[in-house]
Amino acid sequence: MKRMSSLTYHFGVKLRFYPSSKQKKIIKLNYDAQRFVYNSYVGRNRSSYHAKRYLAVKQSHTMPFAFPAFNHYEKKLAEAVVANNELLAKPKNIRDAYSFLQVKDIDSLAIANAIQNYHK
């Protein structure tokens, strides 16, 4: 397939659409849902990374035969890692975790595309 720069003529169509107020609300709702899903994936992955790293450093400094008891903070970190991994495992889990993402006006492809963009 040829690139556009190699063609002698470039044709394009400019479109302008005027959504109604109802359509504007739906567009904004889908965009906000996409942004929330993407940011929550980034945040959960980041907190999971730091928690795993902290727990790995904590365990590496002890003797291999000793099993140190986790304090309250470390226990919460470990639980957060498990919860984040479960939520990030399947795309459907994020819809189940947040009730406002279950609105009918939010397109499932919008959420799927946000997750795909995150993985890229």
Protein backbone atom coordinates (compact mmCIF):
# COMPACT_ATOMS: atom_id res chain seq x y z
CA MET A 1 0.00 0.00 0.00
CA LYS A 2 1.27 3.44 -0.91
CA ARG A 3 1.88 6.15 1.61
CA MET A 4 -0.01 9.41 1.38
CA SER A 5 3.20 11.38 0.91
CA SER A 6 4.02 9.45 -2.28
CA LEU A 7 0.68 10.24 -3.94
CA THR A 8 0.37 13.28 -6.19
CA TYR A 9 -3.06 14.28 -4.91
CA HIS A 10 -4.32 14.37 -1.39
CA PHE A 11 -8.04 14.32 -0.88
CA GLY A 12 -9.72 14.68 2.43
CA VAL A 13 -13.10 15.33 3.82
CA LYS A 14 -13.69 17.70 6.66
CA LEU A 15 -16.66 16.84 8.77
CA ARG A 16 -18.24 18.77 11.54
CA PHE A 17 -20.94 17.30 13.64
CA TYR A 18 -23.27 18.98 16.05
CA PRO A 19 -24.36 16.53 18.72
CA SER A 20 -27.53 17.15 20.63
CA SER A 21 -27.37 17.77 24.37
CA LYS A 22 -28.22 14.11 25.06
CA GLN A 23 -25.43 12.95 22.74
CA LYS A 24 -23.00 15.38 24.39
CA LYS A 25 -23.79 13.82 27.76
CA ILE A 26 -23.23 10.30 26.40
CA ILE A 27 -19.93 11.31 24.77
CA LYS A 28 -18.72 12.95 27.98
CA LEU A 29 -19.82 9.96 30.06
CA ASN A 30 -17.92 7.52 27.84
CA TYR A 31 -14.84 9.70 27.75
CA ASP A 32 -14.83 10.08 31.54
CA ALA A 33 -15.27 6.32 31.98
CA GLN A 34 -12.36 5.66 29.64
CA ARG A 35 -10.15 8.10 31.49
CA PHE A 36 -11.12 6.62 34.87
CA VAL A 37 -10.42 3.04 33.75
CA TYR A 38 -7.05 3.95 32.25
CA ASN A 39 -5.98 5.96 35.30
CA SER A 40 -7.15 3.27 37.71
CA TYR A 41 -5.14 0.64 35.83
CA VAL A 42 -2.07 2.87 35.94
CA GLY A 43 -2.55 3.60 39.64
CA ARG A 44 -3.19 0.00 40.62
CA ASN A 45 -0.22 -1.26 38.66
CA ARG A 46 2.00 1.40 40.19
CA SER A 47 0.91 0.66 43.76
CA SER A 48 1.22 -3.06 43.11
CA TYR A 49 4.76 -2.58 41.79
CA HIS A 50 5.85 -0.54 44.82
CA ALA A 51 4.21 -2.95 47.26
CA LYS A 52 5.86 -5.98 45.66
CA ARG A 53 9.21 -4.22 45.64
CA TYR A 54 8.89 -3.20 49.30
CA LEU A 55 7.88 -6.69 50.36
CA ALA A 56 10.70 -8.27 48.32
CA VAL A 57 13.30 -5.97 49.91
CA LYS A 58 11.86 -6.65 53.35
CA GLN A 59 12.11 -10.41 52.87
CA SER A 60 15.54 -10.41 51.25
CA HIS A 61 17.24 -8.81 54.27
CA THR A 62 16.17 -11.54 56.65
CA MET A 63 17.66 -14.96 57.06
CA PRO A 64 16.24 -17.51 54.60
CA PHE A 65 15.05 -19.86 57.33
CA ALA A 66 13.25 -17.16 59.32
CA PHE A 67 9.71 -16.14 58.44
CA PRO A 68 9.18 -12.64 59.78
CA ALA A 69 5.67 -11.69 60.76
CA PHE A 70 4.22 -8.85 58.74
CA ASN A 71 3.10 -5.80 60.62
CA HIS A 72 -0.27 -4.16 59.92
CA TYR A 73 1.08 -1.95 57.11
CA GLU A 74 2.81 -4.82 55.33
CA LYS A 75 -0.27 -6.99 55.61
CA LYS A 76 -2.34 -4.25 53.97
CA LEU A 77 0.26 -3.97 51.21
CA ALA A 78 0.14 -7.69 50.53
CA GLU A 79 -3.66 -7.65 50.43
CA ALA A 80 -3.56 -4.69 48.04
CA VAL A 81 -1.23 -6.58 45.71
CA VAL A 82 -3.60 -9.54 45.62
CA ALA A 83 -6.67 -7.34 45.09
CA ASN A 84 -4.95 -5.34 42.34
CA ASN A 85 -3.85 -8.49 40.54
CA GLU A 86 -7.37 -9.89 40.65
CA LEU A 87 -8.85 -6.65 39.35
CA LEU A 88 -6.29 -6.26 36.58
CA ALA A 89 -6.58 -9.91 35.51
CA LYS A 90 -9.88 -9.62 33.62
CA PRO A 91 -11.40 -6.53 32.00
CA LYS A 92 -14.87 -7.43 33.29
CA ASN A 93 -13.68 -7.22 36.89
CA ILE A 94 -13.34 -3.44 36.78
CA ARG A 95 -16.99 -3.06 35.79
CA ASP A 96 -18.01 -5.25 38.70
CA ALA A 97 -15.81 -3.34 41.14
CA TYR A 98 -17.30 0.08 40.35
CA SER A 99 -21.07 0.35 40.10
CA PHE A 100 -21.03 3.63 38.14
CA LEU A 101 -19.35 1.82 35.22
CA GLN A 102 -22.41 -0.42 34.88
CA VAL A 103 -24.57 2.34 33.40
CA LYS A 104 -26.14 1.34 30.07
CA ASP A 105 -24.90 4.48 28.31
CA ILE A 106 -21.26 3.52 28.84
CA ASP A 107 -20.09 1.52 25.87
CA SER A 108 -18.24 -1.69 26.65
CA LEU A 109 -15.86 -1.00 23.76
CA ALA A 110 -14.87 2.29 25.36
CA ILE A 111 -13.70 0.43 28.46
CA ALA A 112 -12.05 -2.30 26.37
CA ASN A 113 -10.18 0.32 24.33
CA ALA A 114 -9.00 2.06 27.50
CA ILE A 115 -7.61 -1.24 28.76
CA GLN A 116 -5.95 -1.93 25.39
CA ASN A 117 -4.38 1.52 25.41
CA TYR A 118 -3.06 0.87 28.89
CA HIS A 119 -1.47 -2.42 27.82
CA LYS A 120 0.21 -0.71 24.84
